[in-house]
Protein backbone atom coordinates (compact mmCIF):
# COMPACT_ATOMS: atom_id res chain seq x y z
CA MET A 1 -54.34 -91.17 201.27
CA THR A 2 -52.76 -88.83 198.91
CA HIS A 3 -53.15 -85.00 198.82
CA ILE A 4 -56.78 -83.32 197.80
CA ARG A 5 -56.87 -83.00 193.57
CA PRO A 6 -55.07 -86.21 193.30
CA ASP A 7 -52.49 -86.18 190.79
CA GLY A 8 -50.53 -88.94 188.74
CA ASP A 9 -47.71 -88.85 191.04
CA GLY A 10 -49.80 -89.04 194.21
CA LEU A 11 -52.25 -91.38 192.25
CA GLY A 12 -49.33 -93.62 190.98
CA ALA A 13 -47.22 -94.07 194.46
CA GLN A 14 -50.32 -95.23 195.74
CA LEU A 15 -51.17 -97.40 193.45
CA ALA A 16 -47.99 -99.34 192.86
CA LEU A 17 -47.45 -99.65 196.64
CA ALA A 18 -50.56 -100.93 197.51
CA ASP A 19 -50.18 -103.82 194.72
CA ALA A 20 -47.00 -104.27 196.63
CA LEU A 21 -48.46 -104.37 199.73
CA LYS A 22 -50.78 -107.24 198.64
CA ALA A 23 -48.45 -109.17 196.79
CA GLN A 24 -47.01 -109.60 200.48
CA GLY A 25 -50.20 -110.76 201.91
CA MET A 26 -51.40 -107.40 203.17
CA GLN A 27 -54.35 -105.81 202.34
CA PRO A 28 -54.35 -102.41 201.67
CA ARG A 29 -56.33 -99.54 200.96
CA VAL A 30 -56.06 -96.73 198.84
CA CYS A 31 -58.04 -93.61 199.53
CA ILE A 32 -58.82 -90.32 198.31
CA ALA A 33 -60.27 -86.85 199.96
CA SER A 34 -61.38 -85.51 197.24
CA VAL A 35 -63.20 -86.13 193.74
CA LEU A 36 -61.23 -88.64 191.54
CA PRO A 37 -59.93 -85.93 188.22
CA PRO A 38 -61.37 -87.26 185.01
CA ARG A 39 -58.29 -87.82 183.58
CA TYR A 40 -57.83 -90.10 185.92
CA ARG A 41 -60.51 -92.56 186.04
CA PHE A 42 -59.29 -94.94 183.88
CA LEU A 43 -56.93 -96.39 186.29
CA ASP A 44 -59.82 -97.75 188.26
CA PRO A 45 -62.79 -97.37 186.19
CA ASP A 46 -65.00 -99.40 188.38
CA ARG A 47 -63.56 -97.88 191.41
CA LYS A 48 -62.74 -101.17 192.87
CA VAL A 49 -59.65 -99.84 194.42
CA ILE A 50 -59.77 -96.52 195.54
CA GLU A 51 -62.02 -95.29 197.75
CA ASP A 52 -63.64 -91.52 198.23
CA PHE A 53 -63.27 -90.86 202.21
CA ARG A 54 -65.78 -88.58 202.35
CA LYS A 55 -68.23 -91.35 201.59
CA PRO A 56 -65.61 -94.22 202.76
CA LEU A 57 -67.06 -98.02 202.20
CA ARG A 58 -66.27 -98.87 205.70
CA PRO A 59 -64.89 -97.36 208.46
CA LEU A 60 -60.98 -97.11 208.56
CA ASP A 61 -60.55 -97.61 212.53
CA ASP A 62 -59.79 -101.15 211.62
CA CYS A 63 -56.33 -100.37 209.85
CA ASN A 64 -52.99 -100.53 211.39
CA ALA A 65 -51.21 -97.84 209.96
CA ILE A 66 -52.13 -94.36 207.70
CA VAL A 67 -49.48 -93.65 205.34
CA VAL A 68 -49.98 -90.18 203.53
CA MET A 69 -47.73 -90.19 200.13
CA ASP A 70 -47.24 -87.03 198.03
CA THR A 71 -47.92 -84.19 200.83
CA GLY A 72 -46.67 -83.39 204.17
CA THR A 73 -48.94 -80.03 204.94
CA TRP A 74 -52.71 -80.09 206.67
CA ASN A 75 -54.26 -78.14 204.12
CA GLN A 76 -53.24 -80.69 201.52
CA LEU A 77 -55.74 -83.49 203.02
CA GLY A 78 -59.00 -81.51 202.84
CA ASP A 79 -61.48 -82.79 205.04
CA PHE A 80 -59.00 -85.77 205.73
CA ALA A 81 -57.26 -84.07 207.93
CA GLU A 82 -59.50 -83.64 211.20
CA TYR A 83 -59.86 -87.42 210.82
CA LEU A 84 -55.86 -87.72 210.65
CA LYS A 85 -55.62 -85.79 213.87
CA ALA A 86 -57.80 -87.34 216.13
CA SER A 87 -56.67 -90.65 215.02
CA PRO A 88 -54.35 -92.42 217.30
CA LEU A 89 -53.27 -94.82 214.63
CA PRO A 90 -49.38 -94.43 213.65
CA ARG A 91 -48.85 -92.74 210.78
CA VAL A 92 -45.88 -92.10 208.12
CA VAL A 93 -45.47 -89.44 205.27
CA ILE A 94 -43.61 -90.35 202.32
CA ASP A 95 -43.19 -87.05 199.97
CA HIS A 96 -40.65 -84.99 198.17
CA HIS A 97 -41.82 -81.64 198.68
CA ARG A 98 -40.06 -78.88 200.57
CA THR A 99 -43.27 -77.47 202.30
CA GLN A 100 -43.79 -79.47 205.55
CA ASP A 101 -45.88 -79.60 208.49
CA ASP A 102 -45.45 -82.20 211.54
CA LEU A 103 -48.37 -84.70 210.83
CA GLY A 104 -46.50 -87.02 213.56
CA GLY A 105 -45.13 -90.33 213.17
CA GLN A 106 -41.53 -90.76 210.34
CA ALA A 107 -41.41 -88.66 207.60
CA PHE A 108 -39.40 -89.80 204.41
CA VAL A 109 -39.32 -86.96 202.92
CA ASP A 110 -36.72 -86.45 200.23
CA ILE A 111 -36.52 -83.16 198.37
CA ASP A 112 -34.05 -84.64 195.86
CA ALA A 113 -36.70 -87.10 194.50
CA GLU A 114 -38.27 -85.87 190.98
CA ALA A 115 -41.42 -87.81 192.27
CA THR A 116 -42.84 -89.55 194.94
CA GLY A 117 -43.42 -92.51 192.76
CA ARG A 118 -39.65 -92.78 192.90
CA LEU A 119 -39.99 -93.13 196.79
CA SER A 120 -42.41 -95.60 196.31
CA PHE A 121 -40.26 -97.48 194.14
CA GLU A 122 -37.36 -97.72 197.13
CA ILE A 123 -39.57 -98.44 199.06
CA ILE A 124 -40.81 -101.68 197.08
CA GLU A 125 -37.37 -102.56 196.32
CA ALA A 126 -36.40 -102.24 200.23
CA LEU A 127 -39.60 -104.38 201.34
CA GLY A 128 -37.95 -107.31 198.92
CA ALA A 129 -41.70 -107.06 196.94
CA PRO A 130 -42.48 -108.11 193.32
CA LEU A 131 -42.97 -105.24 190.42
CA SER A 132 -45.51 -105.96 188.89
CA PRO A 133 -46.47 -104.73 185.74
CA ALA A 134 -49.10 -102.98 186.96
CA ALA A 135 -47.51 -101.34 189.56
CA ALA A 136 -44.70 -100.38 187.12
CA ASN A 137 -46.88 -98.76 184.92
CA HIS A 138 -48.26 -96.67 188.21
CA LEU A 139 -44.85 -96.29 189.00
CA PHE A 140 -44.32 -94.95 185.46
CA LEU A 141 -47.21 -92.20 185.49
CA ALA A 142 -45.82 -90.97 188.71
CA LEU A 143 -42.52 -90.31 187.42
CA ALA A 144 -43.80 -89.08 183.97
CA HIS A 145 -46.42 -86.65 185.78
CA ASP A 146 -43.87 -84.84 187.89
CA THR A 147 -41.26 -84.65 185.27
CA GLY A 148 -43.44 -83.45 182.94
CA TRP A 149 -42.96 -86.54 180.65
CA PHE A 150 -39.50 -85.94 181.35
CA ARG A 151 -38.95 -82.14 180.04
CA HIS A 152 -38.73 -80.53 183.31
CA SER A 153 -35.32 -79.32 184.93
CA ASN A 154 -35.43 -82.15 187.53
CA THR A 155 -35.30 -84.90 184.88
CA THR A 156 -31.90 -86.43 185.37
CA PRO A 157 -30.39 -89.07 183.91
CA ALA A 158 -31.35 -91.24 187.14
CA THR A 159 -35.05 -90.51 185.84
CA PHE A 160 -34.49 -92.00 182.74
CA ALA A 161 -32.73 -95.24 184.19
CA LEU A 162 -35.95 -95.69 186.93
CA ALA A 163 -37.58 -95.16 183.48
CA GLU A 164 -36.10 -97.91 181.68
CA ARG A 165 -36.35 -100.34 184.56
CA LEU A 166 -40.26 -99.57 184.72
CA THR A 167 -40.23 -100.01 181.31
CA THR A 168 -38.63 -103.28 181.51
CA ALA A 169 -40.73 -104.44 184.45
CA GLY A 170 -44.05 -104.07 181.88
CA ALA A 171 -44.78 -100.01 182.24
CA ASN A 172 -46.25 -99.44 178.78
CA PRO A 173 -45.86 -95.22 178.11
CA THR A 174 -47.16 -95.12 175.02
CA ALA A 175 -51.30 -95.72 176.65
CA LEU A 176 -50.16 -93.93 179.28
CA TYR A 177 -49.38 -90.73 177.01
CA GLU A 178 -52.53 -91.45 175.43
CA LYS A 179 -54.95 -91.80 177.95
CA LEU A 180 -53.34 -88.53 179.45
CA PHE A 181 -52.78 -86.29 176.92
CA GLU A 182 -54.78 -87.62 173.80
CA THR A 183 -57.90 -88.38 175.78
CA SER A 184 -60.10 -85.38 176.56
CA SER A 185 -63.74 -84.32 176.55
CA LEU A 186 -65.14 -81.17 174.86
CA ALA A 187 -65.94 -80.03 177.72
CA ARG A 188 -62.30 -79.89 178.94
CA TYR A 189 -61.61 -78.21 175.94
CA ARG A 190 -64.15 -75.32 176.27
CA LEU A 191 -62.90 -74.71 179.61
CA VAL A 192 -59.52 -74.46 178.30
CA GLY A 193 -61.01 -71.57 176.03
CA LYS A 194 -62.10 -69.63 178.62
CA ALA A 195 -58.75 -69.43 180.52
CA LEU A 196 -57.68 -68.57 177.51
CA GLU A 197 -59.60 -66.25 176.64
CA ARG A 198 -58.42 -64.08 180.29
CA LEU A 199 -55.01 -64.68 179.22
CA GLN A 200 -53.18 -61.24 180.79
CA THR A 201 -49.44 -60.52 181.26
CA ARG A 202 -47.95 -57.74 183.66
CA ALA A 203 -44.13 -56.90 184.76
CA GLY A 204 -43.10 -56.39 180.81
CA GLY A 205 -44.52 -60.41 180.44
CA ARG A 206 -42.42 -61.58 183.02
CA ILE A 207 -45.66 -62.91 184.32
CA ALA A 208 -48.61 -64.11 182.98
CA PHE A 209 -51.91 -65.45 184.66
CA THR A 210 -55.60 -66.39 183.89
CA GLU A 211 -58.39 -67.61 185.77
CA ILE A 212 -61.23 -70.00 186.18
CA LEU A 213 -64.27 -68.99 187.55
CA LEU A 214 -66.94 -70.93 189.41
CA ALA A 215 -69.68 -70.09 186.39
CA ASP A 216 -67.47 -71.22 183.71
CA TYR A 217 -68.29 -75.21 184.84
CA PRO A 218 -71.64 -75.23 184.31
CA ALA A 219 -71.42 -72.88 181.16
CA THR A 220 -68.95 -75.66 179.50
CA GLY A 221 -69.66 -79.11 180.91
CA ALA A 222 -66.55 -79.36 182.86
CA VAL A 223 -65.66 -79.84 186.43
CA PRO A 224 -62.98 -78.47 188.69
CA GLY A 225 -60.82 -81.83 188.24
CA ASP A 226 -60.24 -80.31 184.10
CA THR A 227 -58.24 -77.17 185.42
CA GLU A 228 -55.25 -80.20 185.66
CA ASP A 229 -52.25 -78.64 183.56
CA MET A 230 -53.66 -75.57 182.56
CA ILE A 231 -51.43 -73.68 183.63
CA ASP A 232 -48.89 -74.48 181.06
CA TYR A 233 -50.86 -71.90 179.28
CA PRO A 234 -49.88 -68.69 181.18
CA ARG A 235 -46.38 -70.66 181.33
CA SER A 236 -45.53 -71.27 177.76
CA ILE A 237 -46.44 -67.40 176.88
CA GLU A 238 -42.69 -66.66 175.03
CA GLY A 239 -40.70 -64.17 178.00
CA VAL A 240 -42.71 -65.21 181.05
CA GLU A 241 -40.71 -66.25 184.03
CA VAL A 242 -44.02 -66.85 186.15
CA ALA A 243 -47.20 -67.96 185.91
CA LEU A 244 -50.08 -68.04 187.68
CA LEU A 245 -53.69 -69.69 187.78
CA PHE A 246 -56.37 -68.43 190.07
CA ILE A 247 -59.22 -70.84 190.38
CA GLU A 248 -62.39 -69.65 192.40
CA GLN A 249 -64.01 -72.30 194.48
CA ALA A 250 -66.75 -72.75 195.90
CA ASP A 251 -66.46 -71.72 199.56
CA GLY A 252 -66.03 -68.52 198.54
CA GLY A 253 -62.10 -68.68 198.50
CA THR A 254 -59.34 -69.15 195.54
CA LYS A 255 -56.88 -71.73 194.67
CA ILE A 256 -53.66 -70.30 193.53
CA SER A 257 -51.25 -72.44 191.31
CA PHE A 258 -47.46 -71.12 190.76
CA ARG A 259 -45.08 -72.19 188.10
CA SER A 260 -41.49 -70.56 187.18
CA ARG A 261 -38.53 -70.40 185.11
CA ALA A 262 -36.01 -69.19 188.10
CA ALA A 263 -37.94 -67.56 190.86
CA ASP A 264 -38.84 -69.74 193.93
CA VAL A 265 -42.24 -69.63 193.88
CA SER A 266 -42.48 -72.18 197.15
CA ARG A 267 -41.99 -69.15 199.10
CA LEU A 268 -44.69 -67.33 197.59
CA ALA A 269 -47.03 -69.76 198.17
CA GLU A 270 -45.75 -70.43 201.64
CA ALA A 271 -47.14 -66.84 202.65
CA LEU A 272 -50.33 -67.92 201.75
CA GLY A 273 -50.55 -70.68 203.66
CA GLY A 274 -49.41 -73.13 201.02
CA GLY A 275 -46.37 -75.05 199.37
CA GLY A 276 -44.64 -77.06 197.89
CA HIS A 277 -41.43 -76.64 194.88
CA LYS A 278 -39.08 -74.32 194.03
CA LEU A 279 -40.70 -73.94 190.96
CA ALA A 280 -44.06 -75.28 191.10
CA ALA A 281 -46.27 -74.53 194.16
CA GLY A 282 -49.73 -73.49 195.01
CA ALA A 283 -52.15 -72.44 197.85
CA ARG A 284 -55.61 -72.36 198.64
CA VAL A 285 -56.96 -69.26 200.36
CA LYS A 286 -60.09 -68.04 201.79
CA GLU A 287 -60.20 -64.73 199.66
CA SER A 288 -62.31 -64.02 197.16
CA LEU A 289 -60.81 -64.06 193.77
CA ALA A 290 -61.26 -60.41 192.82
CA SER A 291 -59.54 -59.52 196.24
CA VAL A 292 -56.36 -61.44 196.11
CA ARG A 293 -55.53 -61.39 192.72
CA ASP A 294 -53.72 -58.04 192.76
CA ARG A 295 -51.90 -58.72 195.87
CA VAL A 296 -50.37 -61.88 194.39
CA LEU A 297 -49.77 -60.06 191.54
CA VAL A 298 -47.52 -57.11 193.09
CA GLU A 299 -46.23 -60.01 195.56
CA THR A 300 -45.05 -62.10 192.35
CA GLN A 301 -43.58 -58.88 190.52
CA LYS A 302 -41.36 -57.93 193.82
CA ALA A 303 -40.03 -61.81 194.09
CA LEU A 304 -38.89 -61.05 190.26
CA ASP A 305 -37.23 -57.57 191.06
CA SER A 306 -35.57 -58.86 194.09
């Protein structure tokens, strides 16, 4: 299992580890607790591998253990959180985020790892399992995703060394990049247009933010998964130190994404019940977008001024 609104790191780490376990004669099941975003459908176009927990193909109670990857917090598990709390099955957390809850069981958390995909790779090596071309491709997706395709500050010489090993094992970076960044629906571009129209700045241009409303989806034909990476637009404005993206939720709450060039935005996210990394974090609150926006902007400016 990975977090809701699964991304390239969570999915890549899951699929690679599942591939390795199958090679060792096990029968792993890969699950998600929310909709598979459109940009990742190419990973399992017929949905023969990735199961939807909200409508499982068969009960999970016959499993031996639960492995949670790329998150260690209850609020990132969606409906699966209640199942996990009630389940007697042993569980393991494999993650690289600083923010952690006690999910029970064994936690393998390395906040210095640039991606959970690296931890998945290390586990595959420790198991002595083979690294198939498919698994290498999934791990490259994970590694590239959480380093911004090797441009974020968490990219190190070790990152490139691992990328070399994965490409040698059969990963196809060109095909992955085309699928992720050069293949998009017209609906998503229309949604991007909505976000760009609403771009605003605060604190003398040090803070930039935009928002996505529920009404934008039927108006553009897009889906919530199309908001991934939209935070990059406010972040790319010259002079911006912290970028925010507010997304209205169907239950009346608001999802908030934070990106920073230096300030520790994980603290801001944690104050709202979320968390993440120092420079990339998020939270989901029960308040409406209109009621929470100004308060978050004020706290963000305080963090920049402190």
